[in-house]
Amino acid sequence: MSLGQQLAPHLPFLRRYARALTGSQEHGDRYVRAALETIVAAPGEFPRDVDPRLGLYRIFQVIWRTTNADDDVVPANDDEGREAVARARLARMTPLSRQALLLTAMEGFTVDDAAYLIDSDSVEVEKLVADAMAEIEQQTRARVLIVEDEPIIAMDIETIVRDLGHEVTGVAVTRDEAVALAMEDRPGLVLADIQLADDSSGIDAVKDILGEFAVPVIFITAFPERLLTGERPEPTFLITKPFQRSTVKAAISQALFFDESTLPHDRFR
């Protein structure tokens, strides 16, 4: 099996990680492309002593640490413009503690694997994850709208959201109900399933809501690879069913982390 064939199944999940890391589909996908271009240019340097998925994320992490994959174009004599781009890039950099949390809680890597990916050791990774969790506990509380048609899953999400200290504005099971609830009581975050009770789409419900006001969104789906192709406007934050409590917690934290910044970012989330 060729290296490309070995890596292909893992690309959707690398896109998920990159988007959560940067808070943007556009910027996340750029870093993924940069990593793939690096592999194509020097396939002999790809780590062969580890699992292909681990090697792929390793190359990505090196690109993340050492390369600006953004293609911001600023005139050479525009000092103010260059400074603004530099500030934006710095502001977009997800702290190492959150990288450790995303790698373990969202991507499912072991502590040892995460240590390999960020050039650290397992003790430091455990500390970084603990630091990220402590930071999350201090995070600004949000008012959350849940769009989910499966009652047990909706109850589970609601419990997780409330346990994190956030307020639930309502639980919708259809597109129309989601929009109505959002208009009635504007949320600060939306958690939306893709397929709803009346065969309507959670994506369409979110588009309707975003047409009225801006709000960060996390999508929930059993088939994440269908929404992580990089070929069209796609969600930035995505949770895979079945999910772990820590995954939901990490996704909510990262979505709010970027929403609280002043940087422009994708709103189809």
C-alpha atoms as a PDB file:
ATOM      1  CA  MET A   1       0.000   0.000   0.000  1.00  0.00           C
ATOM      2  CA  SER A   2       1.372   3.419  -0.965  1.00  0.00           C
ATOM      3  CA  LEU A   3       1.964   6.163   1.606  1.00  0.00           C
ATOM      4  CA  GLY A   4      -0.872   8.179   0.093  1.00  0.00           C
ATOM      5  CA  GLN A   5      -3.278   5.278   0.534  1.00  0.00           C
ATOM      6  CA  GLN A   6      -2.169   4.843   4.149  1.00  0.00           C
ATOM      7  CA  LEU A   7      -2.727   8.525   4.939  1.00  0.00           C
ATOM      8  CA  ALA A   8      -5.997   9.112   3.058  1.00  0.00           C
ATOM      9  CA  PRO A   9      -8.364   7.732   5.766  1.00  0.00           C
ATOM     10  CA  HIS A  10      -6.807  10.046   8.357  1.00  0.00           C
ATOM     11  CA  LEU A  11      -7.056  13.321   6.401  1.00  0.00           C
ATOM     12  CA  PRO A  12     -10.646  14.195   7.419  1.00  0.00           C
ATOM     13  CA  PHE A  13      -9.688  13.932  11.076  1.00  0.00           C
ATOM     14  CA  LEU A  14      -6.524  15.978  10.588  1.00  0.00           C
ATOM     15  CA  ARG A  15      -8.740  18.650   9.023  1.00  0.00           C
ATOM     16  CA  ARG A  16     -10.977  18.502  12.094  1.00  0.00           C
ATOM     17  CA  TYR A  17      -7.992  19.000  14.377  1.00  0.00           C
ATOM     18  CA  ALA A  18      -6.522  21.793  12.244  1.00  0.00           C
ATOM     19  CA  ARG A  19      -9.820  23.670  12.114  1.00  0.00           C
ATOM     20  CA  ALA A  20     -10.350  23.372  15.858  1.00  0.00           C
ATOM     21  CA  LEU A  21      -6.751  24.474  16.393  1.00  0.00           C
ATOM     22  CA  THR A  22      -7.033  27.600  14.245  1.00  0.00           C
ATOM     23  CA  GLY A  23     -10.732  28.367  14.700  1.00  0.00           C
ATOM     24  CA  SER A  24     -11.206  28.508  10.932  1.00  0.00           C
ATOM     25  CA  GLN A  25     -11.843  26.091   8.084  1.00  0.00           C
ATOM     26  CA  GLU A  26      -9.797  28.253   5.736  1.00  0.00           C
ATOM     27  CA  HIS A  27      -6.719  28.549   7.928  1.00  0.00           C
ATOM     28  CA  GLY A  28      -6.903  24.981   9.201  1.00  0.00           C
ATOM     29  CA  ASP A  29      -7.113  23.555   5.691  1.00  0.00           C
ATOM     30  CA  ARG A  30      -4.130  25.677   4.629  1.00  0.00           C
ATOM     31  CA  TYR A  31      -1.979  24.085   7.296  1.00  0.00           C
ATOM     32  CA  VAL A  32      -3.161  20.627   6.227  1.00  0.00           C
ATOM     33  CA  ARG A  33      -2.267  21.425   2.602  1.00  0.00           C
ATOM     34  CA  ALA A  34       1.150  22.676   3.702  1.00  0.00           C
ATOM     35  CA  ALA A  35       1.749  19.429   5.593  1.00  0.00           C
ATOM     36  CA  LEU A  36       0.724  17.324   2.575  1.00  0.00           C
ATOM     37  CA  GLU A  37       2.930  19.368   0.268  1.00  0.00           C
ATOM     38  CA  THR A  38       5.842  18.744   2.631  1.00  0.00           C
ATOM     39  CA  ILE A  39       5.209  14.998   2.542  1.00  0.00           C
ATOM     40  CA  VAL A  40       4.930  14.946  -1.261  1.00  0.00           C
ATOM     41  CA  ALA A  41       8.134  16.971  -1.623  1.00  0.00           C
ATOM     42  CA  ALA A  42      10.134  14.675   0.667  1.00  0.00           C
ATOM     43  CA  PRO A  43       8.364  11.323   1.159  1.00  0.00           C
ATOM     44  CA  GLY A  44      11.595   9.752   2.361  1.00  0.00           C
ATOM     45  CA  GLU A  45      11.527  11.988   5.431  1.00  0.00           C
ATOM     46  CA  PHE A  46       8.096  10.801   6.543  1.00  0.00           C
ATOM     47  CA  PRO A  47       8.362   9.030   9.935  1.00  0.00           C
ATOM     48  CA  ARG A  48       8.283   5.309   9.161  1.00  0.00           C
ATOM     49  CA  ASP A  49       8.871   4.083  12.695  1.00  0.00           C
ATOM     50  CA  VAL A  50       5.392   5.076  13.906  1.00  0.00           C
ATOM     51  CA  ASP A  51       1.770   4.522  12.866  1.00  0.00           C
ATOM     52  CA  PRO A  52       0.933   6.470   9.643  1.00  0.00           C
ATOM     53  CA  ARG A  53      -1.690   8.570  11.445  1.00  0.00           C
ATOM     54  CA  LEU A  54       0.809   9.529  14.111  1.00  0.00           C
ATOM     55  CA  GLY A  55       3.395  10.371  11.451  1.00  0.00           C
ATOM     56  CA  LEU A  56       0.865  12.528   9.585  1.00  0.00           C
ATOM     57  CA  TYR A  57      -0.015  14.537  12.675  1.00  0.00           C
ATOM     58  CA  ARG A  58       3.702  14.818  13.492  1.00  0.00           C
ATOM     59  CA  ILE A  59       4.406  16.456  10.128  1.00  0.00           C
ATOM     60  CA  PHE A  60       1.421  18.742  10.663  1.00  0.00           C
ATOM     61  CA  GLN A  61       2.667  19.774  14.111  1.00  0.00           C
ATOM     62  CA  VAL A  62       6.082  20.646  12.676  1.00  0.00           C
ATOM     63  CA  ILE A  63       4.403  22.795  10.013  1.00  0.00           C
ATOM     64  CA  TRP A  64       2.208  24.395  12.679  1.00  0.00           C
ATOM     65  CA  ARG A  65       5.212  25.332  14.803  1.00  0.00           C
ATOM     66  CA  THR A  66       7.479  26.548  12.040  1.00  0.00           C
ATOM     67  CA  THR A  67       5.377  27.850   9.150  1.00  0.00           C
ATOM     68  CA  ASN A  68       2.809  30.547   8.515  1.00  0.00           C
ATOM     69  CA  ALA A  69       0.486  28.757   6.134  1.00  0.00           C
ATOM     70  CA  ASP A  70      -1.596  31.924   5.774  1.00  0.00           C
ATOM     71  CA  ASP A  71      -1.231  33.652   2.424  1.00  0.00           C
ATOM     72  CA  ASP A  72      -1.936  37.162   3.666  1.00  0.00           C
ATOM     73  CA  VAL A  73      -0.535  39.576   1.080  1.00  0.00           C
ATOM     74  CA  VAL A  74       0.817  42.842   2.444  1.00  0.00           C
ATOM     75  CA  PRO A  75       2.791  45.413   0.413  1.00  0.00           C
ATOM     76  CA  ALA A  76       6.496  45.404   1.269  1.00  0.00           C
ATOM     77  CA  ASN A  77       6.406  49.055   2.337  1.00  0.00           C
ATOM     78  CA  ASP A  78       3.292  48.665   4.475  1.00  0.00           C
ATOM     79  CA  ASP A  79       4.821  48.424   7.955  1.00  0.00           C
ATOM     80  CA  GLU A  80       1.462  48.893   9.665  1.00  0.00           C
ATOM     81  CA  GLY A  81      -0.078  46.150   7.552  1.00  0.00           C
ATOM     82  CA  ARG A  82       2.726  43.708   8.296  1.00  0.00           C
ATOM     83  CA  GLU A  83       2.407  44.451  12.007  1.00  0.00           C
ATOM     84  CA  ALA A  84      -1.347  43.835  11.876  1.00  0.00           C
ATOM     85  CA  VAL A  85      -0.826  40.479  10.145  1.00  0.00           C
ATOM     86  CA  ALA A  86       1.807  39.510  12.718  1.00  0.00           C
ATOM     87  CA  ARG A  87      -0.547  40.384  15.576  1.00  0.00           C
ATOM     88  CA  ALA A  88      -3.345  38.380  13.951  1.00  0.00           C
ATOM     89  CA  ARG A  89      -1.128  35.347  13.515  1.00  0.00           C
ATOM     90  CA  LEU A  90       0.019  35.496  17.122  1.00  0.00           C
ATOM     91  CA  ALA A  91      -3.559  35.842  18.327  1.00  0.00           C
ATOM     92  CA  ARG A  92      -4.589  32.799  16.289  1.00  0.00           C
ATOM     93  CA  MET A  93      -1.944  30.549  17.815  1.00  0.00           C
ATOM     94  CA  THR A  94      -3.645  28.056  20.075  1.00  0.00           C
ATOM     95  CA  PRO A  95      -1.679  27.668  23.340  1.00  0.00           C
ATOM     96  CA  LEU A  96       0.251  24.430  23.797  1.00  0.00           C
ATOM     97  CA  SER A  97      -2.036  23.410  26.647  1.00  0.00           C
ATOM     98  CA  ARG A  98      -5.039  23.499  24.319  1.00  0.00           C
ATOM     99  CA  GLN A  99      -3.120  21.578  21.663  1.00  0.00           C
ATOM    100  CA  ALA A 100      -2.472  18.847  24.210  1.00  0.00           C
ATOM    101  CA  LEU A 101      -6.148  18.820  25.173  1.00  0.00           C
ATOM    102  CA  LEU A 102      -7.367  18.649  21.574  1.00  0.00           C
ATOM    103  CA  LEU A 103      -4.921  15.881  20.685  1.00  0.00           C
ATOM    104  CA  THR A 104      -6.018  13.727  23.614  1.00  0.00           C
ATOM    105  CA  ALA A 105      -9.688  14.619  24.143  1.00  0.00           C
ATOM    106  CA  MET A 106     -10.796  15.249  20.551  1.00  0.00           C
ATOM    107  CA  GLU A 107      -8.357  13.233  18.450  1.00  0.00           C
ATOM    108  CA  GLY A 108      -8.038  10.329  20.880  1.00  0.00           C
ATOM    109  CA  PHE A 109      -4.257  10.146  21.056  1.00  0.00           C
ATOM    110  CA  THR A 110      -2.665   8.694  24.169  1.00  0.00           C
ATOM    111  CA  VAL A 111      -0.635  10.930  26.444  1.00  0.00           C
ATOM    112  CA  ASP A 112       2.547   9.320  25.104  1.00  0.00           C
ATOM    113  CA  ASP A 113       1.465   9.929  21.491  1.00  0.00           C
ATOM    114  CA  ALA A 114       0.609  13.556  22.249  1.00  0.00           C
ATOM    115  CA  ALA A 115       4.030  13.967  23.854  1.00  0.00           C
ATOM    116  CA  TYR A 116       5.643  12.696  20.656  1.00  0.00           C
ATOM    117  CA  LEU A 117       3.544  15.078  18.555  1.00  0.00           C
ATOM    118  CA  ILE A 118       4.385  18.226  20.500  1.00  0.00           C
ATOM    119  CA  ASP A 119       8.004  17.312  21.330  1.00  0.00           C
ATOM    120  CA  SER A 120       7.403  16.908  25.026  1.00  0.00           C
ATOM    121  CA  ASP A 121       7.101  14.118  27.588  1.00  0.00           C
ATOM    122  CA  SER A 122       4.080  12.410  29.127  1.00  0.00           C
ATOM    123  CA  VAL A 123       4.402  14.192  32.456  1.00  0.00           C
ATOM    124  CA  GLU A 124       4.406  17.581  30.745  1.00  0.00           C
ATOM    125  CA  VAL A 125       1.448  16.626  28.539  1.00  0.00           C
ATOM    126  CA  GLU A 126      -0.594  15.635  31.591  1.00  0.00           C
ATOM    127  CA  LYS A 127       0.256  18.999  33.151  1.00  0.00           C
ATOM    128  CA  LEU A 128      -0.659  20.847  29.949  1.00  0.00           C
ATOM    129  CA  VAL A 129      -4.029  19.078  29.772  1.00  0.00           C
ATOM    130  CA  ALA A 130      -4.675  19.914  33.438  1.00  0.00           C
ATOM    131  CA  ASP A 131      -3.769  23.553  32.727  1.00  0.00           C
ATOM    132  CA  ALA A 132      -6.178  23.621  29.784  1.00  0.00           C
ATOM    133  CA  MET A 133      -8.970  22.156  31.898  1.00  0.00           C
ATOM    134  CA  ALA A 134      -8.329  24.735  34.608  1.00  0.00           C
ATOM    135  CA  GLU A 135      -8.440  27.473  31.990  1.00  0.00           C
ATOM    136  CA  ILE A 136     -11.743  26.125  30.707  1.00  0.00           C
ATOM    137  CA  GLU A 137     -13.212  26.265  34.207  1.00  0.00           C
ATOM    138  CA  GLN A 138     -12.464  30.000  34.272  1.00  0.00           C
ATOM    139  CA  GLN A 139     -13.847  30.589  30.801  1.00  0.00           C
ATOM    140  CA  THR A 140     -16.730  32.974  30.243  1.00  0.00           C
ATOM    141  CA  ARG A 141     -20.024  31.142  30.548  1.00  0.00           C
ATOM    142  CA  ALA A 142     -22.209  30.851  27.483  1.00  0.00           C
ATOM    143  CA  ARG A 143     -25.898  30.454  26.750  1.00  0.00           C
ATOM    144  CA  VAL A 144     -26.251  27.356  24.586  1.00  0.00           C
ATOM    145  CA  LEU A 145     -28.926  26.240  22.129  1.00  0.00           C
ATOM    146  CA  ILE A 146     -28.983  22.464  21.537  1.00  0.00           C
ATOM    147  CA  VAL A 147     -30.359  21.185  18.224  1.00  0.00           C
ATOM    148  CA  GLU A 148     -30.693  17.401  18.544  1.00  0.00           C
ATOM    149  CA  ASP A 149     -33.618  15.088  17.720  1.00  0.00           C
ATOM    150  CA  GLU A 150     -32.515  12.028  19.721  1.00  0.00           C
ATOM    151  CA  PRO A 151     -33.866  12.541  23.287  1.00  0.00           C
ATOM    152  CA  ILE A 152     -31.203  10.537  25.107  1.00  0.00           C
ATOM    153  CA  ILE A 153     -28.363  12.268  23.272  1.00  0.00           C
ATOM    154  CA  ALA A 154     -29.999  15.665  23.798  1.00  0.00           C
ATOM    155  CA  MET A 155     -30.285  14.980  27.529  1.00  0.00           C
ATOM    156  CA  ASP A 156     -26.657  13.861  27.653  1.00  0.00           C
ATOM    157  CA  ILE A 157     -25.470  17.019  25.877  1.00  0.00           C
ATOM    158  CA  GLU A 158     -27.640  19.201  28.093  1.00  0.00           C
ATOM    159  CA  THR A 159     -26.170  17.607  31.211  1.00  0.00           C
ATOM    160  CA  ILE A 160     -22.621  18.134  29.954  1.00  0.00           C
ATOM    161  CA  VAL A 161     -23.327  21.762  29.034  1.00  0.00           C
ATOM    162  CA  ARG A 162     -24.914  22.541  32.411  1.00  0.00           C
ATOM    163  CA  ASP A 163     -22.157  20.728  34.320  1.00  0.00           C
ATOM    164  CA  LEU A 164     -19.644  22.969  32.542  1.00  0.00           C
ATOM    165  CA  GLY A 165     -21.469  25.952  33.982  1.00  0.00           C
ATOM    166  CA  HIS A 166     -23.224  27.053  30.807  1.00  0.00           C
ATOM    167  CA  GLU A 167     -26.926  27.819  30.494  1.00  0.00           C
ATOM    168  CA  VAL A 168     -29.168  25.941  28.043  1.00  0.00           C
ATOM    169  CA  THR A 169     -31.599  28.272  26.244  1.00  0.00           C
ATOM    170  CA  GLY A 170     -33.566  25.404  24.704  1.00  0.00           C
ATOM    171  CA  VAL A 171     -33.513  22.046  22.920  1.00  0.00           C
ATOM    172  CA  ALA A 172     -34.836  21.924  19.336  1.00  0.00           C
ATOM    173  CA  VAL A 173     -35.573  18.805  17.291  1.00  0.00           C
ATOM    174  CA  THR A 174     -36.368  20.373  13.880  1.00  0.00           C
ATOM    175  CA  ARG A 175     -34.994  23.157  11.690  1.00  0.00           C
ATOM    176  CA  ASP A 176     -37.993  25.433  12.221  1.00  0.00           C
ATOM    177  CA  GLU A 177     -37.974  24.900  15.975  1.00  0.00           C
ATOM    178  CA  ALA A 178     -34.241  25.648  16.143  1.00  0.00           C
ATOM    179  CA  VAL A 179     -34.657  28.935  14.296  1.00  0.00           C
ATOM    180  CA  ALA A 180     -37.684  29.914  16.389  1.00  0.00           C
ATOM    181  CA  LEU A 181     -35.868  29.215  19.668  1.00  0.00           C
ATOM    182  CA  ALA A 182     -32.792  31.128  18.490  1.00  0.00           C
ATOM    183  CA  MET A 183     -34.882  34.152  17.572  1.00  0.00           C
ATOM    184  CA  GLU A 184     -36.821  34.008  20.831  1.00  0.00           C
ATOM    185  CA  ASP A 185     -33.780  33.715  23.104  1.00  0.00           C
ATOM    186  CA  ARG A 186     -30.498  34.484  21.352  1.00  0.00           C
ATOM    187  CA  PRO A 187     -27.787  31.939  22.320  1.00  0.00           C
ATOM    188  CA  GLY A 188     -24.056  32.523  22.576  1.00  0.00           C
ATOM    189  CA  LEU A 189     -23.284  29.058  21.178  1.00  0.00           C
ATOM    190  CA  VAL A 190     -25.166  26.478  19.101  1.00  0.00           C
ATOM    191  CA  LEU A 191     -24.631  22.698  19.311  1.00  0.00           C
ATOM    192  CA  ALA A 192     -26.358  21.156  16.298  1.00  0.00           C
ATOM    193  CA  ASP A 193     -26.880  17.628  15.005  1.00  0.00           C
ATOM    194  CA  ILE A 194     -26.720  17.275  11.219  1.00  0.00           C
ATOM    195  CA  GLN A 195     -29.846  15.152  10.680  1.00  0.00           C
ATOM    196  CA  LEU A 196     -33.022  16.270  12.446  1.00  0.00           C
ATOM    197  CA  ALA A 197     -36.368  14.651  13.296  1.00  0.00           C
ATOM    198  CA  ASP A 198     -38.399  15.799  10.293  1.00  0.00           C
ATOM    199  CA  ASP A 199     -35.593  14.963   7.846  1.00  0.00           C
ATOM    200  CA  SER A 200     -34.580  18.604   7.882  1.00  0.00           C
ATOM    201  CA  SER A 201     -30.944  19.595   8.149  1.00  0.00           C
ATOM    202  CA  GLY A 202     -29.146  21.007  11.139  1.00  0.00           C
ATOM    203  CA  ILE A 203     -26.827  22.728   8.672  1.00  0.00           C
ATOM    204  CA  ASP A 204     -29.773  24.544   7.103  1.00  0.00           C
ATOM    205  CA  ALA A 205     -31.049  25.503  10.554  1.00  0.00           C
ATOM    206  CA  VAL A 206     -27.654  26.977  11.398  1.00  0.00           C
ATOM    207  CA  LYS A 207     -27.493  28.863   8.103  1.00  0.00           C
ATOM    208  CA  ASP A 208     -30.906  30.375   8.901  1.00  0.00           C
ATOM    209  CA  ILE A 209     -29.723  31.416  12.358  1.00  0.00           C
ATOM    210  CA  LEU A 210     -26.440  32.854  11.066  1.00  0.00           C
ATOM    211  CA  GLY A 211     -28.456  34.852   8.565  1.00  0.00           C
ATOM    212  CA  GLU A 212     -29.902  36.735  11.544  1.00  0.00           C
ATOM    213  CA  PHE A 213     -26.887  37.041  13.870  1.00  0.00           C
ATOM    214  CA  ALA A 214     -23.353  35.719  14.336  1.00  0.00           C
ATOM    215  CA  VAL A 215     -22.805  32.882  16.794  1.00  0.00           C
ATOM    216  CA  PRO A 216     -20.210  30.083  17.087  1.00  0.00           C
ATOM    217  CA  VAL A 217     -21.515  26.639  16.139  1.00  0.00           C
ATOM    218  CA  ILE A 218     -20.408  23.085  16.867  1.00  0.00           C
ATOM    219  CA  PHE A 219     -21.858  20.340  14.668  1.00  0.00           C
ATOM    220  CA  ILE A 220     -22.473  16.785  15.821  1.00  0.00           C
ATOM    221  CA  THR A 221     -22.493  13.876  13.369  1.00  0.00           C
ATOM    222  CA  ALA A 222     -21.899  10.153  13.122  1.00  0.00           C
ATOM    223  CA  PHE A 223     -20.200  10.655   9.744  1.00  0.00           C
ATOM    224  CA  PRO A 224     -17.566  13.393  10.168  1.00  0.00           C
ATOM    225  CA  GLU A 225     -15.617  12.422   7.045  1.00  0.00           C
ATOM    226  CA  ARG A 226     -18.553  13.630   4.920  1.00  0.00           C
ATOM    227  CA  LEU A 227     -18.107  17.153   6.291  1.00  0.00           C
ATOM    228  CA  LEU A 228     -14.312  17.270   6.334  1.00  0.00           C
ATOM    229  CA  THR A 229     -13.389  17.012   2.656  1.00  0.00           C
ATOM    230  CA  GLY A 230     -11.945  20.509   2.323  1.00  0.00           C
ATOM    231  CA  GLU A 231     -13.870  20.951  -0.945  1.00  0.00           C
ATOM    232  CA  ARG A 232     -16.614  23.367   0.155  1.00  0.00           C
ATOM    233  CA  PRO A 233     -17.648  25.571   3.103  1.00  0.00           C
ATOM    234  CA  GLU A 234     -17.674  23.122   5.994  1.00  0.00           C
ATOM    235  CA  PRO A 235     -17.909  23.233   9.793  1.00  0.00           C
ATOM    236  CA  THR A 236     -14.945  24.444  11.795  1.00  0.00           C
ATOM    237  CA  PHE A 237     -15.928  22.595  14.982  1.00  0.00           C
ATOM    238  CA  LEU A 238     -17.200  19.050  14.702  1.00  0.00           C
ATOM    239  CA  ILE A 239     -17.973  16.355  17.295  1.00  0.00           C
ATOM    240  CA  THR A 240     -18.207  12.717  16.240  1.00  0.00           C
ATOM    241  CA  LYS A 241     -20.937  10.398  17.543  1.00  0.00           C
ATOM    242  CA  PRO A 242     -20.607   8.545  19.819  1.00  0.00           C
ATOM    243  CA  PHE A 243     -18.770  11.206  21.796  1.00  0.00           C
ATOM    244  CA  GLN A 244     -16.991  11.413  25.115  1.00  0.00           C
ATOM    245  CA  ARG A 245     -17.702  14.093  27.705  1.00  0.00           C
ATOM    246  CA  SER A 246     -14.130  15.361  27.357  1.00  0.00           C
ATOM    247  CA  THR A 247     -14.587  15.767  23.588  1.00  0.00           C
ATOM    248  CA  VAL A 248     -17.657  17.967  24.028  1.00  0.00           C
ATOM    249  CA  LYS A 249     -15.882  19.964  26.700  1.00  0.00           C
ATOM    250  CA  ALA A 250     -12.825  20.555  24.508  1.00  0.00           C
ATOM    251  CA  ALA A 251     -14.929  21.539  21.489  1.00  0.00           C
ATOM    252  CA  ILE A 252     -17.056  24.009  23.461  1.00  0.00           C
ATOM    253  CA  SER A 253     -13.956  25.509  25.023  1.00  0.00           C
ATOM    254  CA  GLN A 254     -12.190  25.990  21.703  1.00  0.00           C
ATOM    255  CA  ALA A 255     -15.255  27.436  19.960  1.00  0.00           C
ATOM    256  CA  LEU A 256     -15.702  30.006  22.722  1.00  0.00           C
ATOM    257  CA  PHE A 257     -11.937  30.645  22.813  1.00  0.00           C
ATOM    258  CA  PHE A 258     -11.989  31.917  19.244  1.00  0.00           C
ATOM    259  CA  ASP A 259     -15.358  33.623  19.521  1.00  0.00           C
ATOM    260  CA  GLU A 260     -13.995  35.779  22.325  1.00  0.00           C
ATOM    261  CA  SER A 261     -11.119  37.025  20.136  1.00  0.00           C
ATOM    262  CA  THR A 262     -11.400  40.030  17.844  1.00  0.00           C
ATOM    263  CA  LEU A 263     -10.060  38.199  14.820  1.00  0.00           C
ATOM    264  CA  PRO A 264     -12.252  37.642  11.765  1.00  0.00           C
ATOM    265  CA  HIS A 265     -13.100  33.974  11.357  1.00  0.00           C
ATOM    266  CA  ASP A 266     -15.464  31.675   9.534  1.00  0.00           C
ATOM    267  CA  ARG A 267     -19.067  31.827  10.655  1.00  0.00           C
ATOM    268  CA  PHE A 268     -20.220  28.631   8.953  1.00  0.00           C
ATOM    269  CA  ARG A 269     -19.359  26.505  11.959  1.00  0.00           C
END
